[in-house]
Amino acid sequence: MLTRLNELYYHKLKVRFTTSKRVEMHCWFGAVLRNRFLKAADTILDENGTSLRFLLDKLPLHSEHFMFKRLEGGFPKAFLFRFDEIAPRLSGFSLDPDRVYTIELIVIGNYSRYINLFSRAIEQMFSEGFGHPIVPMSLIDISEGDDSYLYCRGRELGELSYPISFKETLNQFNIGKQYLQLELSFNTPTSLISRPGKVDILGYQSRLNNFPSLYQFIRSVCYRLASLIMIYCDPQAFVSEEDMNDAVDAFVADVAPALLLDASISWQHCYSSPRKEGATYKMNGYIGRLVFGTVPQIYLPVLHFASDLAVGNDVNYGLGAFGLRYREEITD
């Protein structure tokens, strides 16, 4: 499984902005950010007159690929936002004037070739603003790493320089046979099931009452990474659905003996801003922390790499963000 993911990579960009007036909304910040970005992306065109929104919504797999039919109704998008620094409440958020705010934009795989379109869409999103009433905002800059600026105060600058690849992440870890104590923190609502009320009662996760076991969590992470590499990096990373399933099952098998040591999670929900007809979109998931013992070291690079990419439902609304801490277990 690990070698299959070698070609997977993403870019992480820091986006800084300010607002001239206070903004306060009683809805989930990630939903506002996602919706306003896609609205702006509708107006940003490439040299062929194709909008960024169209490019993001079009599944790039060939129609004969074994995953095409499964994914054409909905597939993981090539971008997501992280906004850990803003730390919005589930019930709403506020932005104060003359303060610099930072969010992160993750662009996955070969869709980094559209980075100029992303930069223009972000600039457009902030200039259009958000809030009730709408408050225009100012994009300060977009940077990658500590010294590479792609955009600064109205001027497009350099190119992407710092891809974060799974292969390089894997090489950072000296994988042995030791076991870890692992703490997972669910920073925004994280759900591994389809939807409450629409769950297959015969499914594995339903038999666990939808509790996010480490086995299911790592399995979900693996399937997300497998989908991303086939869509945005290497369509031939897996040659068939059976090949993909066998690779995932073989990889996660050794996590089954891991022991839950501590749990402090709660099921939470948040809402999008109202649509024109007044309806809101409700999102759910667990927030809190789980601590596991007897976790094989081999899972560490996968979780570390995936922590920027989130997992579960509504990732593009800012859900599924997780972090991890770990230490080597002392065994007799």
C-alpha atoms as a PDB file:
ATOM      1  CA  MET A   1       0.000   0.000   0.000  1.00  0.00           C
ATOM      2  CA  LEU A   2       2.739   2.455   0.934  1.00  0.00           C
ATOM      3  CA  THR A   3       4.613   2.214  -2.369  1.00  0.00           C
ATOM      4  CA  ARG A   4       1.316   2.692  -4.266  1.00  0.00           C
ATOM      5  CA  LEU A   5       1.019   6.164  -2.719  1.00  0.00           C
ATOM      6  CA  ASN A   6       4.519   7.358  -3.621  1.00  0.00           C
ATOM      7  CA  GLU A   7       3.354   9.689  -6.403  1.00  0.00           C
ATOM      8  CA  LEU A   8       0.726  11.453  -4.290  1.00  0.00           C
ATOM      9  CA  TYR A   9       1.527  15.083  -3.449  1.00  0.00           C
ATOM     10  CA  TYR A  10      -0.071  18.396  -2.603  1.00  0.00           C
ATOM     11  CA  HIS A  11       0.846  22.047  -2.117  1.00  0.00           C
ATOM     12  CA  LYS A  12       0.003  23.985   1.047  1.00  0.00           C
ATOM     13  CA  LEU A  13      -0.428  27.729   0.639  1.00  0.00           C
ATOM     14  CA  LYS A  14      -0.807  30.382   3.303  1.00  0.00           C
ATOM     15  CA  VAL A  15      -3.432  33.018   2.528  1.00  0.00           C
ATOM     16  CA  ARG A  16      -3.556  36.251   4.549  1.00  0.00           C
ATOM     17  CA  PHE A  17      -6.414  38.744   4.472  1.00  0.00           C
ATOM     18  CA  THR A  18      -8.015  41.605   6.387  1.00  0.00           C
ATOM     19  CA  THR A  19     -11.455  43.168   6.686  1.00  0.00           C
ATOM     20  CA  SER A  20     -12.226  46.849   7.102  1.00  0.00           C
ATOM     21  CA  LYS A  21     -15.436  46.224   9.061  1.00  0.00           C
ATOM     22  CA  ARG A  22     -16.502  43.667  11.624  1.00  0.00           C
ATOM     23  CA  VAL A  23     -18.112  40.567  10.154  1.00  0.00           C
ATOM     24  CA  GLU A  24     -20.300  38.249  12.218  1.00  0.00           C
ATOM     25  CA  MET A  25     -22.282  35.314  10.865  1.00  0.00           C
ATOM     26  CA  HIS A  26     -24.291  32.639  12.656  1.00  0.00           C
ATOM     27  CA  CYS A  27     -23.132  29.720  10.525  1.00  0.00           C
ATOM     28  CA  TRP A  28     -20.077  27.544   9.980  1.00  0.00           C
ATOM     29  CA  PHE A  29     -17.074  29.502   8.642  1.00  0.00           C
ATOM     30  CA  GLY A  30     -15.947  26.631   6.406  1.00  0.00           C
ATOM     31  CA  ALA A  31     -19.276  26.608   4.578  1.00  0.00           C
ATOM     32  CA  VAL A  32     -19.073  30.340   3.894  1.00  0.00           C
ATOM     33  CA  LEU A  33     -15.484  30.018   2.678  1.00  0.00           C
ATOM     34  CA  ARG A  34     -16.267  27.078   0.402  1.00  0.00           C
ATOM     35  CA  ASN A  35     -19.418  28.616  -1.082  1.00  0.00           C
ATOM     36  CA  ARG A  36     -17.911  32.061  -1.692  1.00  0.00           C
ATOM     37  CA  PHE A  37     -14.812  30.515  -3.254  1.00  0.00           C
ATOM     38  CA  LEU A  38     -16.849  28.402  -5.678  1.00  0.00           C
ATOM     39  CA  LYS A  39     -18.974  31.436  -6.581  1.00  0.00           C
ATOM     40  CA  ALA A  40     -15.783  33.309  -7.447  1.00  0.00           C
ATOM     41  CA  ALA A  41     -14.362  30.270  -9.283  1.00  0.00           C
ATOM     42  CA  ASP A  42     -17.368  30.410 -11.621  1.00  0.00           C
ATOM     43  CA  THR A  43     -16.086  33.731 -12.970  1.00  0.00           C
ATOM     44  CA  ILE A  44     -12.391  32.841 -13.318  1.00  0.00           C
ATOM     45  CA  LEU A  45     -11.582  31.577 -16.817  1.00  0.00           C
ATOM     46  CA  ASP A  46      -8.502  29.922 -18.305  1.00  0.00           C
ATOM     47  CA  GLU A  47      -7.071  30.738 -21.736  1.00  0.00           C
ATOM     48  CA  ASN A  48      -9.732  28.524 -23.352  1.00  0.00           C
ATOM     49  CA  GLY A  49     -12.625  30.249 -21.629  1.00  0.00           C
ATOM     50  CA  THR A  50     -13.201  27.355 -19.194  1.00  0.00           C
ATOM     51  CA  SER A  51     -14.064  28.335 -15.643  1.00  0.00           C
ATOM     52  CA  LEU A  52     -12.127  27.089 -12.631  1.00  0.00           C
ATOM     53  CA  ARG A  53     -15.451  25.879 -11.196  1.00  0.00           C
ATOM     54  CA  PHE A  54     -15.988  23.671 -14.249  1.00  0.00           C
ATOM     55  CA  LEU A  55     -12.467  22.260 -13.953  1.00  0.00           C
ATOM     56  CA  LEU A  56     -13.011  21.480 -10.264  1.00  0.00           C
ATOM     57  CA  ASP A  57     -16.370  19.804 -10.859  1.00  0.00           C
ATOM     58  CA  LYS A  58     -15.263  17.655 -13.810  1.00  0.00           C
ATOM     59  CA  LEU A  59     -13.973  14.196 -12.888  1.00  0.00           C
ATOM     60  CA  PRO A  60     -10.576  13.923 -14.649  1.00  0.00           C
ATOM     61  CA  LEU A  61     -10.556  10.111 -14.825  1.00  0.00           C
ATOM     62  CA  HIS A  62     -11.091   8.408 -18.170  1.00  0.00           C
ATOM     63  CA  SER A  63     -14.589   6.969 -18.539  1.00  0.00           C
ATOM     64  CA  GLU A  64     -13.131   3.451 -18.815  1.00  0.00           C
ATOM     65  CA  HIS A  65     -11.286   3.681 -15.498  1.00  0.00           C
ATOM     66  CA  PHE A  66     -12.634   1.195 -12.958  1.00  0.00           C
ATOM     67  CA  MET A  67     -13.443   4.005 -10.502  1.00  0.00           C
ATOM     68  CA  PHE A  68     -15.207   6.304 -12.967  1.00  0.00           C
ATOM     69  CA  LYS A  69     -18.790   5.120 -12.446  1.00  0.00           C
ATOM     70  CA  ARG A  70     -18.396   5.072  -8.679  1.00  0.00           C
ATOM     71  CA  LEU A  71     -17.001   8.607  -8.574  1.00  0.00           C
ATOM     72  CA  GLU A  72     -18.840  10.458 -11.335  1.00  0.00           C
ATOM     73  CA  GLY A  73     -21.757  11.241  -9.009  1.00  0.00           C
ATOM     74  CA  GLY A  74     -19.429  12.826  -6.478  1.00  0.00           C
ATOM     75  CA  PHE A  75     -15.694  12.687  -5.944  1.00  0.00           C
ATOM     76  CA  PRO A  76     -13.001  14.223  -3.695  1.00  0.00           C
ATOM     77  CA  LYS A  77     -12.181  17.702  -4.938  1.00  0.00           C
ATOM     78  CA  ALA A  78      -8.672  18.921  -5.695  1.00  0.00           C
ATOM     79  CA  PHE A  79      -8.676  21.565  -2.973  1.00  0.00           C
ATOM     80  CA  LEU A  80      -9.646  22.230   0.614  1.00  0.00           C
ATOM     81  CA  PHE A  81      -9.228  25.040   3.115  1.00  0.00           C
ATOM     82  CA  ARG A  82      -7.793  24.822   6.620  1.00  0.00           C
ATOM     83  CA  PHE A  83      -8.546  27.614   9.078  1.00  0.00           C
ATOM     84  CA  ASP A  84      -7.122  26.404  12.379  1.00  0.00           C
ATOM     85  CA  GLU A  85      -5.855  29.879  13.284  1.00  0.00           C
ATOM     86  CA  ILE A  86      -9.316  31.444  13.068  1.00  0.00           C
ATOM     87  CA  ALA A  87     -10.808  28.699  15.277  1.00  0.00           C
ATOM     88  CA  PRO A  88     -14.462  29.465  14.518  1.00  0.00           C
ATOM     89  CA  ARG A  89     -17.296  28.322  16.742  1.00  0.00           C
ATOM     90  CA  LEU A  90     -19.640  25.668  15.393  1.00  0.00           C
ATOM     91  CA  SER A  91     -22.509  28.145  15.778  1.00  0.00           C
ATOM     92  CA  GLY A  92     -20.818  31.015  13.938  1.00  0.00           C
ATOM     93  CA  PHE A  93     -17.774  33.231  13.613  1.00  0.00           C
ATOM     94  CA  SER A  94     -16.656  36.842  13.725  1.00  0.00           C
ATOM     95  CA  LEU A  95     -13.832  38.760  12.036  1.00  0.00           C
ATOM     96  CA  ASP A  96     -12.565  42.034  13.482  1.00  0.00           C
ATOM     97  CA  PRO A  97     -11.340  45.007  11.429  1.00  0.00           C
ATOM     98  CA  ASP A  98      -7.661  45.789  10.882  1.00  0.00           C
ATOM     99  CA  ARG A  99      -6.535  42.355  12.051  1.00  0.00           C
ATOM    100  CA  VAL A 100      -4.595  39.989   9.778  1.00  0.00           C
ATOM    101  CA  TYR A 101      -6.191  36.550   9.409  1.00  0.00           C
ATOM    102  CA  THR A 102      -4.569  33.448   7.937  1.00  0.00           C
ATOM    103  CA  ILE A 103      -6.135  30.436   6.263  1.00  0.00           C
ATOM    104  CA  GLU A 104      -4.483  27.612   4.335  1.00  0.00           C
ATOM    105  CA  LEU A 105      -5.344  26.406   0.850  1.00  0.00           C
ATOM    106  CA  ILE A 106      -4.415  22.804  -0.008  1.00  0.00           C
ATOM    107  CA  VAL A 107      -4.182  22.063  -3.751  1.00  0.00           C
ATOM    108  CA  ILE A 108      -3.803  18.379  -4.614  1.00  0.00           C
ATOM    109  CA  GLY A 109      -1.666  16.759  -7.284  1.00  0.00           C
ATOM    110  CA  ASN A 110      -1.648  17.919 -10.885  1.00  0.00           C
ATOM    111  CA  TYR A 111      -4.363  20.507 -10.232  1.00  0.00           C
ATOM    112  CA  SER A 112      -1.510  22.657  -8.951  1.00  0.00           C
ATOM    113  CA  ARG A 113      -1.113  23.600 -12.623  1.00  0.00           C
ATOM    114  CA  TYR A 114      -4.181  25.789 -12.110  1.00  0.00           C
ATOM    115  CA  ILE A 115      -2.598  27.722  -9.259  1.00  0.00           C
ATOM    116  CA  ASN A 116      -2.938  31.064 -11.058  1.00  0.00           C
ATOM    117  CA  LEU A 117      -6.671  30.421 -11.396  1.00  0.00           C
ATOM    118  CA  PHE A 118      -6.869  29.569  -7.700  1.00  0.00           C
ATOM    119  CA  SER A 119      -5.049  32.795  -6.811  1.00  0.00           C
ATOM    120  CA  ARG A 120      -7.403  34.881  -8.941  1.00  0.00           C
ATOM    121  CA  ALA A 121     -10.458  33.161  -7.462  1.00  0.00           C
ATOM    122  CA  ILE A 122      -9.258  33.820  -3.920  1.00  0.00           C
ATOM    123  CA  GLU A 123      -8.634  37.479  -4.758  1.00  0.00           C
ATOM    124  CA  GLN A 124     -12.114  37.693  -6.277  1.00  0.00           C
ATOM    125  CA  MET A 125     -13.685  35.960  -3.272  1.00  0.00           C
ATOM    126  CA  PHE A 126     -12.255  38.460  -0.813  1.00  0.00           C
ATOM    127  CA  SER A 127     -12.980  41.488  -2.976  1.00  0.00           C
ATOM    128  CA  GLU A 128     -16.628  40.368  -3.182  1.00  0.00           C
ATOM    129  CA  GLY A 129     -16.541  39.715   0.557  1.00  0.00           C
ATOM    130  CA  PHE A 130     -19.064  37.978   2.766  1.00  0.00           C
ATOM    131  CA  GLY A 131     -21.352  38.640   5.682  1.00  0.00           C
ATOM    132  CA  HIS A 132     -24.832  40.118   6.185  1.00  0.00           C
ATOM    133  CA  PRO A 133     -24.582  42.765   4.853  1.00  0.00           C
ATOM    134  CA  ILE A 134     -21.721  41.866   2.533  1.00  0.00           C
ATOM    135  CA  VAL A 135     -18.369  43.286   3.654  1.00  0.00           C
ATOM    136  CA  PRO A 136     -15.572  43.434   1.041  1.00  0.00           C
ATOM    137  CA  MET A 137     -12.177  42.238   2.271  1.00  0.00           C
ATOM    138  CA  SER A 138      -8.574  42.634   1.201  1.00  0.00           C
ATOM    139  CA  LEU A 139      -6.252  39.809   0.193  1.00  0.00           C
ATOM    140  CA  ILE A 140      -2.741  40.593   1.454  1.00  0.00           C
ATOM    141  CA  ASP A 141      -0.701  37.734   0.000  1.00  0.00           C
ATOM    142  CA  ILE A 142      -0.513  34.061  -0.889  1.00  0.00           C
ATOM    143  CA  SER A 143       2.708  32.257  -0.025  1.00  0.00           C
ATOM    144  CA  GLU A 144       4.217  28.793   0.036  1.00  0.00           C
ATOM    145  CA  GLY A 145       6.797  27.961   2.650  1.00  0.00           C
ATOM    146  CA  ASP A 146       8.564  30.834   4.385  1.00  0.00           C
ATOM    147  CA  ASP A 147       9.955  32.698   1.404  1.00  0.00           C
ATOM    148  CA  SER A 148       7.980  31.940  -1.755  1.00  0.00           C
ATOM    149  CA  TYR A 149       5.198  34.416  -2.589  1.00  0.00           C
ATOM    150  CA  LEU A 150       2.741  33.611  -5.360  1.00  0.00           C
ATOM    151  CA  TYR A 151       0.652  36.731  -4.900  1.00  0.00           C
ATOM    152  CA  CYS A 152       1.208  40.001  -3.049  1.00  0.00           C
ATOM    153  CA  ARG A 153      -1.099  43.019  -3.031  1.00  0.00           C
ATOM    154  CA  GLY A 154      -2.453  42.738  -6.536  1.00  0.00           C
ATOM    155  CA  ARG A 155       0.615  41.272  -8.231  1.00  0.00           C
ATOM    156  CA  GLU A 156       1.125  37.669  -9.225  1.00  0.00           C
ATOM    157  CA  LEU A 157       4.632  36.538  -8.340  1.00  0.00           C
ATOM    158  CA  GLY A 158       6.630  33.253  -8.501  1.00  0.00           C
ATOM    159  CA  GLU A 159       5.643  29.664  -9.083  1.00  0.00           C
ATOM    160  CA  LEU A 160       4.940  26.731  -6.771  1.00  0.00           C
ATOM    161  CA  SER A 161       8.161  25.419  -5.268  1.00  0.00           C
ATOM    162  CA  TYR A 162       7.445  23.133  -2.306  1.00  0.00           C
ATOM    163  CA  PRO A 163       5.347  20.055  -3.085  1.00  0.00           C
ATOM    164  CA  ILE A 164       4.609  17.857  -0.082  1.00  0.00           C
ATOM    165  CA  SER A 165       4.870  14.286  -1.340  1.00  0.00           C
ATOM    166  CA  PHE A 166       3.980  11.023   0.327  1.00  0.00           C
ATOM    167  CA  LYS A 167       7.309   9.560  -0.745  1.00  0.00           C
ATOM    168  CA  GLU A 168       9.257  12.287   1.070  1.00  0.00           C
ATOM    169  CA  THR A 169       6.993  11.979   4.115  1.00  0.00           C
ATOM    170  CA  LEU A 170       7.615   8.244   4.233  1.00  0.00           C
ATOM    171  CA  ASN A 171      11.379   8.810   4.068  1.00  0.00           C
ATOM    172  CA  GLN A 172      11.204  11.068   7.130  1.00  0.00           C
ATOM    173  CA  PHE A 173      10.178   8.167   9.345  1.00  0.00           C
ATOM    174  CA  ASN A 174      12.403   5.324  10.466  1.00  0.00           C
ATOM    175  CA  ILE A 175       9.778   2.614  10.494  1.00  0.00           C
ATOM    176  CA  GLY A 176      10.546  -0.240  12.841  1.00  0.00           C
ATOM    177  CA  LYS A 177       8.584  -2.826  14.772  1.00  0.00           C
ATOM    178  CA  GLN A 178       7.956  -0.577  17.760  1.00  0.00           C
ATOM    179  CA  TYR A 179       4.483   0.274  18.965  1.00  0.00           C
ATOM    180  CA  LEU A 180       3.144   3.740  19.636  1.00  0.00           C
ATOM    181  CA  GLN A 181       0.684   5.440  21.890  1.00  0.00           C
ATOM    182  CA  LEU A 182      -1.291   7.571  19.468  1.00  0.00           C
ATOM    183  CA  GLU A 183      -3.637  10.459  20.185  1.00  0.00           C
ATOM    184  CA  LEU A 184      -6.049  11.553  17.453  1.00  0.00           C
ATOM    185  CA  SER A 185      -7.699  14.939  17.854  1.00  0.00           C
ATOM    186  CA  PHE A 186     -10.803  15.720  15.817  1.00  0.00           C
ATOM    187  CA  ASN A 187     -10.502  19.489  15.433  1.00  0.00           C
ATOM    188  CA  THR A 188     -13.631  19.961  13.324  1.00  0.00           C
ATOM    189  CA  PRO A 189     -16.640  17.594  13.136  1.00  0.00           C
ATOM    190  CA  THR A 190     -15.440  14.285  11.696  1.00  0.00           C
ATOM    191  CA  SER A 191     -17.822  11.632  10.395  1.00  0.00           C
ATOM    192  CA  LEU A 192     -16.869   8.401   8.642  1.00  0.00           C
ATOM    193  CA  ILE A 193     -20.447   7.390   7.813  1.00  0.00           C
ATOM    194  CA  SER A 194     -22.563   8.495   4.851  1.00  0.00           C
ATOM    195  CA  ARG A 195     -25.376  10.313   6.658  1.00  0.00           C
ATOM    196  CA  PRO A 196     -27.368   9.698   9.844  1.00  0.00           C
ATOM    197  CA  GLY A 197     -30.552   7.926   8.835  1.00  0.00           C
ATOM    198  CA  LYS A 198     -29.020   6.706   5.564  1.00  0.00           C
ATOM    199  CA  VAL A 199     -26.626   4.152   6.994  1.00  0.00           C
ATOM    200  CA  ASP A 200     -26.433   0.573   5.754  1.00  0.00           C
ATOM    201  CA  ILE A 201     -27.298  -1.362   8.914  1.00  0.00           C
ATOM    202  CA  LEU A 202     -25.276  -4.317   7.651  1.00  0.00           C
ATOM    203  CA  GLY A 203     -22.130  -2.226   7.148  1.00  0.00           C
ATOM    204  CA  TYR A 204     -19.046  -2.587   9.306  1.00  0.00           C
ATOM    205  CA  GLN A 205     -19.235   0.924  10.720  1.00  0.00           C
ATOM    206  CA  SER A 206     -22.926   0.602  11.599  1.00  0.00           C
ATOM    207  CA  ARG A 207     -22.197  -2.520  13.619  1.00  0.00           C
ATOM    208  CA  LEU A 208     -19.884  -0.356  15.730  1.00  0.00           C
ATOM    209  CA  ASN A 209     -22.731   2.160  16.263  1.00  0.00           C
ATOM    210  CA  ASN A 210     -20.692   4.518  14.056  1.00  0.00           C
ATOM    211  CA  PHE A 211     -17.940   4.839  16.672  1.00  0.00           C
ATOM    212  CA  PRO A 212     -14.705   5.883  14.902  1.00  0.00           C
ATOM    213  CA  SER A 213     -12.444   2.944  15.764  1.00  0.00           C
ATOM    214  CA  LEU A 214      -8.797   3.243  14.797  1.00  0.00           C
ATOM    215  CA  TYR A 215      -9.243   0.406  12.303  1.00  0.00           C
ATOM    216  CA  GLN A 216     -12.064   2.221  10.533  1.00  0.00           C
ATOM    217  CA  PHE A 217     -10.310   5.579  10.757  1.00  0.00           C
ATOM    218  CA  ILE A 218      -7.118   4.341   9.090  1.00  0.00           C
ATOM    219  CA  ARG A 219      -9.173   2.410   6.542  1.00  0.00           C
ATOM    220  CA  SER A 220     -11.075   5.591   5.633  1.00  0.00           C
ATOM    221  CA  VAL A 221      -7.803   7.526   5.382  1.00  0.00           C
ATOM    222  CA  CYS A 222      -6.376   4.863   3.044  1.00  0.00           C
ATOM    223  CA  TYR A 223      -9.374   4.939   0.729  1.00  0.00           C
ATOM    224  CA  ARG A 224      -9.260   8.736   0.605  1.00  0.00           C
ATOM    225  CA  LEU A 225      -5.573   8.710  -0.301  1.00  0.00           C
ATOM    226  CA  ALA A 226      -6.133   5.946  -2.865  1.00  0.00           C
ATOM    227  CA  SER A 227      -8.895   7.980  -4.525  1.00  0.00           C
ATOM    228  CA  LEU A 228      -6.806  11.157  -4.544  1.00  0.00           C
ATOM    229  CA  ILE A 229      -3.775   9.541  -6.133  1.00  0.00           C
ATOM    230  CA  MET A 230      -5.852   7.971  -8.911  1.00  0.00           C
ATOM    231  CA  ILE A 231      -7.796  11.166  -9.641  1.00  0.00           C
ATOM    232  CA  TYR A 232      -5.008  13.735  -9.404  1.00  0.00           C
ATOM    233  CA  CYS A 233      -1.633  11.981  -9.710  1.00  0.00           C
ATOM    234  CA  ASP A 234      -1.444   8.455 -11.062  1.00  0.00           C
ATOM    235  CA  PRO A 235      -4.613   6.846 -12.493  1.00  0.00           C
ATOM    236  CA  GLN A 236      -2.821   3.487 -12.685  1.00  0.00           C
ATOM    237  CA  ALA A 237      -1.765   3.354  -9.013  1.00  0.00           C
ATOM    238  CA  PHE A 238      -4.291   0.511  -8.697  1.00  0.00           C
ATOM    239  CA  VAL A 239      -5.245  -1.659 -11.648  1.00  0.00           C
ATOM    240  CA  SER A 240      -8.688  -2.740 -10.434  1.00  0.00           C
ATOM    241  CA  GLU A 241     -11.130  -2.322  -7.578  1.00  0.00           C
ATOM    242  CA  GLU A 242     -10.108  -5.716  -6.255  1.00  0.00           C
ATOM    243  CA  ASP A 243      -6.462  -4.654  -6.341  1.00  0.00           C
ATOM    244  CA  MET A 244      -7.266  -1.492  -4.365  1.00  0.00           C
ATOM    245  CA  ASN A 245      -9.418  -3.304  -1.801  1.00  0.00           C
ATOM    246  CA  ASP A 246      -6.820  -6.026  -1.288  1.00  0.00           C
ATOM    247  CA  ALA A 247      -4.061  -3.449  -0.787  1.00  0.00           C
ATOM    248  CA  VAL A 248      -6.090  -1.501   1.781  1.00  0.00           C
ATOM    249  CA  ASP A 249      -7.257  -4.611   3.640  1.00  0.00           C
ATOM    250  CA  ALA A 250      -3.724  -6.004   3.855  1.00  0.00           C
ATOM    251  CA  PHE A 251      -2.348  -2.683   5.122  1.00  0.00           C
ATOM    252  CA  VAL A 252      -4.926  -2.073   7.864  1.00  0.00           C
ATOM    253  CA  ALA A 253      -4.986  -5.667   9.136  1.00  0.00           C
ATOM    254  CA  ASP A 254      -2.235  -5.103  11.707  1.00  0.00           C
ATOM    255  CA  VAL A 255      -4.082  -2.250  13.438  1.00  0.00           C
ATOM    256  CA  ALA A 256      -6.833  -4.533  14.766  1.00  0.00           C
ATOM    257  CA  PRO A 257      -5.033  -5.326  18.084  1.00  0.00           C
ATOM    258  CA  ALA A 258      -4.672  -1.593  18.952  1.00  0.00           C
ATOM    259  CA  LEU A 259      -6.253  -0.782  22.301  1.00  0.00           C
ATOM    260  CA  LEU A 260      -8.462   2.219  23.060  1.00  0.00           C
ATOM    261  CA  LEU A 261      -6.937   3.843  26.159  1.00  0.00           C
ATOM    262  CA  ASP A 262      -8.955   7.039  26.510  1.00  0.00           C
ATOM    263  CA  ALA A 263     -11.855   8.755  24.765  1.00  0.00           C
ATOM    264  CA  SER A 264     -13.377  12.205  25.018  1.00  0.00           C
ATOM    265  CA  ILE A 265     -15.558  12.863  21.979  1.00  0.00           C
ATOM    266  CA  SER A 266     -19.009  14.269  21.343  1.00  0.00           C
ATOM    267  CA  TRP A 267     -21.313  14.293  18.332  1.00  0.00           C
ATOM    268  CA  GLN A 268     -21.704  17.876  17.100  1.00  0.00           C
ATOM    269  CA  HIS A 269     -23.351  19.648  14.213  1.00  0.00           C
ATOM    270  CA  CYS A 270     -23.019  22.921  12.324  1.00  0.00           C
ATOM    271  CA  TYR A 271     -24.902  24.683   9.542  1.00  0.00           C
ATOM    272  CA  SER A 272     -24.201  26.476   6.309  1.00  0.00           C
ATOM    273  CA  SER A 273     -25.506  29.966   5.698  1.00  0.00           C
ATOM    274  CA  PRO A 274     -29.134  30.019   4.472  1.00  0.00           C
ATOM    275  CA  ARG A 275     -29.685  29.497   0.754  1.00  0.00           C
ATOM    276  CA  LYS A 276     -32.023  31.661  -1.276  1.00  0.00           C
ATOM    277  CA  GLU A 277     -35.005  29.530  -0.316  1.00  0.00           C
ATOM    278  CA  GLY A 278     -34.033  29.806   3.348  1.00  0.00           C
ATOM    279  CA  ALA A 279     -32.836  26.215   3.811  1.00  0.00           C
ATOM    280  CA  THR A 280     -29.513  25.432   5.475  1.00  0.00           C
ATOM    281  CA  TYR A 281     -27.180  22.476   5.046  1.00  0.00           C
ATOM    282  CA  LYS A 282     -26.604  20.533   8.267  1.00  0.00           C
ATOM    283  CA  MET A 283     -23.245  18.843   8.850  1.00  0.00           C
ATOM    284  CA  ASN A 284     -22.362  16.383  11.622  1.00  0.00           C
ATOM    285  CA  GLY A 285     -19.383  14.683  13.175  1.00  0.00           C
ATOM    286  CA  TYR A 286     -17.321  13.949  16.248  1.00  0.00           C
ATOM    287  CA  ILE A 287     -15.146  16.537  17.971  1.00  0.00           C
ATOM    288  CA  GLY A 288     -12.668  15.582  20.685  1.00  0.00           C
ATOM    289  CA  ARG A 289      -9.829  13.129  21.173  1.00  0.00           C
ATOM    290  CA  LEU A 290      -9.132   9.409  21.163  1.00  0.00           C
ATOM    291  CA  VAL A 291      -6.008   7.771  22.556  1.00  0.00           C
ATOM    292  CA  PHE A 292      -4.895   4.335  21.371  1.00  0.00           C
ATOM    293  CA  GLY A 293      -2.100   2.048  22.524  1.00  0.00           C
ATOM    294  CA  THR A 294      -0.248  -0.770  20.776  1.00  0.00           C
ATOM    295  CA  VAL A 295      -0.362   1.066  17.436  1.00  0.00           C
ATOM    296  CA  PRO A 296       2.231  -0.242  14.930  1.00  0.00           C
ATOM    297  CA  GLN A 297       4.667   2.449  13.748  1.00  0.00           C
ATOM    298  CA  ILE A 298       3.949   1.720  10.093  1.00  0.00           C
ATOM    299  CA  TYR A 299       0.722   3.739  10.230  1.00  0.00           C
ATOM    300  CA  LEU A 300       2.427   6.932  11.334  1.00  0.00           C
ATOM    301  CA  PRO A 301       3.543   8.312   7.910  1.00  0.00           C
ATOM    302  CA  VAL A 302       0.097   7.668   6.422  1.00  0.00           C
ATOM    303  CA  LEU A 303      -1.668   9.546   9.227  1.00  0.00           C
ATOM    304  CA  HIS A 304       0.926  12.324   9.261  1.00  0.00           C
ATOM    305  CA  PHE A 305       0.588  12.907   5.516  1.00  0.00           C
ATOM    306  CA  ALA A 306      -3.210  12.702   5.591  1.00  0.00           C
ATOM    307  CA  SER A 307      -3.574  15.160   8.471  1.00  0.00           C
ATOM    308  CA  ASP A 308      -3.404  18.091   6.037  1.00  0.00           C
ATOM    309  CA  LEU A 309      -5.948  16.449   3.713  1.00  0.00           C
ATOM    310  CA  ALA A 310      -8.658  15.674   6.298  1.00  0.00           C
ATOM    311  CA  VAL A 311     -10.968  12.643   6.147  1.00  0.00           C
ATOM    312  CA  GLY A 312     -14.669  11.776   6.110  1.00  0.00           C
ATOM    313  CA  ASN A 313     -17.673  13.778   5.013  1.00  0.00           C
ATOM    314  CA  ASP A 314     -17.805  17.426   3.918  1.00  0.00           C
ATOM    315  CA  VAL A 315     -14.051  17.930   3.765  1.00  0.00           C
ATOM    316  CA  ASN A 316     -14.534  20.917   1.443  1.00  0.00           C
ATOM    317  CA  TYR A 317     -16.631  22.576   4.139  1.00  0.00           C
ATOM    318  CA  GLY A 318     -13.702  22.346   6.528  1.00  0.00           C
ATOM    319  CA  LEU A 319     -14.877  19.199   8.308  1.00  0.00           C
ATOM    320  CA  GLY A 320     -12.758  16.135   9.008  1.00  0.00           C
ATOM    321  CA  ALA A 321      -9.686  18.111  10.127  1.00  0.00           C
ATOM    322  CA  PHE A 322      -7.613  16.022  12.504  1.00  0.00           C
ATOM    323  CA  GLY A 323      -4.272  16.153  14.250  1.00  0.00           C
ATOM    324  CA  LEU A 324      -2.091  13.555  15.891  1.00  0.00           C
ATOM    325  CA  ARG A 325       0.444  13.214  18.668  1.00  0.00           C
ATOM    326  CA  TYR A 326       2.387  10.103  19.492  1.00  0.00           C
ATOM    327  CA  ARG A 327       5.126   8.614  21.597  1.00  0.00           C
ATOM    328  CA  GLU A 328       6.877   5.297  21.556  1.00  0.00           C
ATOM    329  CA  GLU A 329       5.463   2.797  24.015  1.00  0.00           C
ATOM    330  CA  ILE A 330       7.751   1.322  26.618  1.00  0.00           C
ATOM    331  CA  THR A 331       7.399  -2.435  26.679  1.00  0.00           C
ATOM    332  CA  ASP A 332       8.782  -4.915  29.162  1.00  0.00           C
END
